[in-house]
Each structure stands twice: as C-alpha cells, then as structure tokens.
Amino acid sequence: MSMLRSRASQSLKVLRRPSRPLSLVLETGLRAGEVAGLQWDDIDLENKVLYVKRTMLQYAKKGGFHYGAPKTL
C-alpha cells in the first residue's frame, strides 16, 4: 500500500461518516474542479468506470464558473 493511500485510509477512519465527494477525491485523486464537473453520463456503473471529461473553472475577471478541459486527458 502506498504512503498516500495509507494516509487516506487513516483519514477516513478519523471521519465518522465521510461524505461521498470526499471519499471520491481520496480514492481517485480527482481535483476539486474535476469532481464539480462530473455529470451522470460520466459514470458507467456497469463497467465501474468514471470518465473525467471536463472540469469546473472560475472566470478570473468576471467571476462565475464555466466548464473547461481537464488538465490531463
């Protein structure tokens, strides 16, 4: 087990009821914007696959949010 995975496992034990988004981030290593960009059609429950097709980004000057490409494909 890697050091990161071990620490994540310990963190989950400390939390009594970890939220699903937190578990998703710790288990997959997704960035916050990638989690925010997920949509139901990105999840293939039958094949147990999660597709990261977009990330949620914030406009620097205007404010507000928009979708963009993830950092790595």
C-alpha atoms as a PDB file:
ATOM      1  CA  MET A   1       0.000   0.000   0.000  1.00  0.00           C
ATOM      2  CA  SER A   2       1.409   3.395  -0.925  1.00  0.00           C
ATOM      3  CA  MET A   3       2.087   6.049   1.703  1.00  0.00           C
ATOM      4  CA  LEU A   4      -0.627   8.314   0.234  1.00  0.00           C
ATOM      5  CA  ARG A   5      -3.194   5.526   0.228  1.00  0.00           C
ATOM      6  CA  SER A   6      -2.276   4.638   3.807  1.00  0.00           C
ATOM      7  CA  ARG A   7      -2.730   8.245   4.924  1.00  0.00           C
ATOM      8  CA  ALA A   8      -6.050   8.489   3.092  1.00  0.00           C
ATOM      9  CA  SER A   9      -7.197   5.300   4.786  1.00  0.00           C
ATOM     10  CA  GLN A  10      -6.224   6.704   8.185  1.00  0.00           C
ATOM     11  CA  SER A  11      -8.047   9.969   7.418  1.00  0.00           C
ATOM     12  CA  LEU A  12     -11.211   8.077   6.548  1.00  0.00           C
ATOM     13  CA  LYS A  13     -11.039   6.198   9.840  1.00  0.00           C
ATOM     14  CA  VAL A  14     -10.911   9.504  11.724  1.00  0.00           C
ATOM     15  CA  LEU A  15     -14.024  10.756   9.981  1.00  0.00           C
ATOM     16  CA  ARG A  16     -17.104   9.004  11.304  1.00  0.00           C
ATOM     17  CA  ARG A  17     -19.162   9.366   8.133  1.00  0.00           C
ATOM     18  CA  PRO A  18     -17.080  10.624   5.233  1.00  0.00           C
ATOM     19  CA  SER A  19     -19.087  12.366   2.562  1.00  0.00           C
ATOM     20  CA  ARG A  20     -19.262  10.691  -0.820  1.00  0.00           C
ATOM     21  CA  PRO A  21     -17.448  13.559  -2.602  1.00  0.00           C
ATOM     22  CA  LEU A  22     -14.626  13.396  -0.053  1.00  0.00           C
ATOM     23  CA  SER A  23     -14.367   9.634  -0.483  1.00  0.00           C
ATOM     24  CA  LEU A  24     -14.341  10.086  -4.261  1.00  0.00           C
ATOM     25  CA  VAL A  25     -11.466  12.585  -4.056  1.00  0.00           C
ATOM     26  CA  LEU A  26      -9.416  10.452  -1.661  1.00  0.00           C
ATOM     27  CA  GLU A  27      -9.974   7.217  -3.566  1.00  0.00           C
ATOM     28  CA  THR A  28      -9.382   8.580  -7.081  1.00  0.00           C
ATOM     29  CA  GLY A  29      -7.130  11.605  -6.698  1.00  0.00           C
ATOM     30  CA  LEU A  30      -9.535  13.815  -8.649  1.00  0.00           C
ATOM     31  CA  ARG A  31      -9.125  17.560  -8.358  1.00  0.00           C
ATOM     32  CA  ALA A  32     -11.993  19.586  -6.827  1.00  0.00           C
ATOM     33  CA  GLY A  33     -12.882  21.109 -10.213  1.00  0.00           C
ATOM     34  CA  GLU A  34     -13.000  17.662 -11.802  1.00  0.00           C
ATOM     35  CA  VAL A  35     -15.427  16.432  -9.138  1.00  0.00           C
ATOM     36  CA  ALA A  36     -17.554  19.561  -9.630  1.00  0.00           C
ATOM     37  CA  GLY A  37     -17.544  18.938 -13.388  1.00  0.00           C
ATOM     38  CA  LEU A  38     -18.861  15.375 -13.171  1.00  0.00           C
ATOM     39  CA  GLN A  39     -22.232  14.580 -14.706  1.00  0.00           C
ATOM     40  CA  TRP A  40     -24.289  11.381 -14.512  1.00  0.00           C
ATOM     41  CA  ASP A  41     -23.368  10.361 -18.068  1.00  0.00           C
ATOM     42  CA  ASP A  42     -19.687  10.323 -16.981  1.00  0.00           C
ATOM     43  CA  ILE A  43     -20.357   7.344 -14.691  1.00  0.00           C
ATOM     44  CA  ASP A  44     -20.550   3.815 -16.104  1.00  0.00           C
ATOM     45  CA  LEU A  45     -21.798   1.737 -13.174  1.00  0.00           C
ATOM     46  CA  GLU A  46     -21.975  -1.476 -15.192  1.00  0.00           C
ATOM     47  CA  ASN A  47     -18.269  -1.397 -16.094  1.00  0.00           C
ATOM     48  CA  LYS A  48     -17.242   0.516 -12.933  1.00  0.00           C
ATOM     49  CA  VAL A  49     -15.623   3.328 -14.919  1.00  0.00           C
ATOM     50  CA  LEU A  50     -15.610   7.069 -14.235  1.00  0.00           C
ATOM     51  CA  TYR A  51     -14.851   9.382 -17.166  1.00  0.00           C
ATOM     52  CA  VAL A  52     -13.344  12.813 -16.421  1.00  0.00           C
ATOM     53  CA  LYS A  53     -14.419  14.830 -19.458  1.00  0.00           C
ATOM     54  CA  ARG A  54     -14.489  18.352 -18.006  1.00  0.00           C
ATOM     55  CA  THR A  55     -13.508  20.470 -15.052  1.00  0.00           C
ATOM     56  CA  MET A  56     -15.308  23.376 -13.388  1.00  0.00           C
ATOM     57  CA  LEU A  57     -13.309  26.597 -13.734  1.00  0.00           C
ATOM     58  CA  GLN A  58     -13.838  30.090 -12.354  1.00  0.00           C
ATOM     59  CA  TYR A  59     -13.579  33.186 -14.533  1.00  0.00           C
ATOM     60  CA  ALA A  60     -10.744  35.266 -13.086  1.00  0.00           C
ATOM     61  CA  LYS A  61     -12.020  38.710 -14.096  1.00  0.00           C
ATOM     62  CA  LYS A  62     -15.797  38.300 -14.468  1.00  0.00           C
ATOM     63  CA  GLY A  63     -16.493  35.869 -11.648  1.00  0.00           C
ATOM     64  CA  GLY A  64     -18.842  32.959 -12.223  1.00  0.00           C
ATOM     65  CA  PHE A  65     -17.997  29.470 -13.417  1.00  0.00           C
ATOM     66  CA  HIS A  66     -17.678  27.547 -16.676  1.00  0.00           C
ATOM     67  CA  TYR A  67     -16.582  24.116 -17.874  1.00  0.00           C
ATOM     68  CA  GLY A  68     -13.172  23.517 -19.398  1.00  0.00           C
ATOM     69  CA  ALA A  69     -10.956  20.593 -20.358  1.00  0.00           C
ATOM     70  CA  PRO A  70      -9.279  18.700 -17.509  1.00  0.00           C
ATOM     71  CA  LYS A  71      -5.523  19.243 -17.041  1.00  0.00           C
ATOM     72  CA  THR A  72      -4.666  15.723 -18.160  1.00  0.00           C
ATOM     73  CA  LEU A  73      -6.598  13.532 -20.558  1.00  0.00           C
END
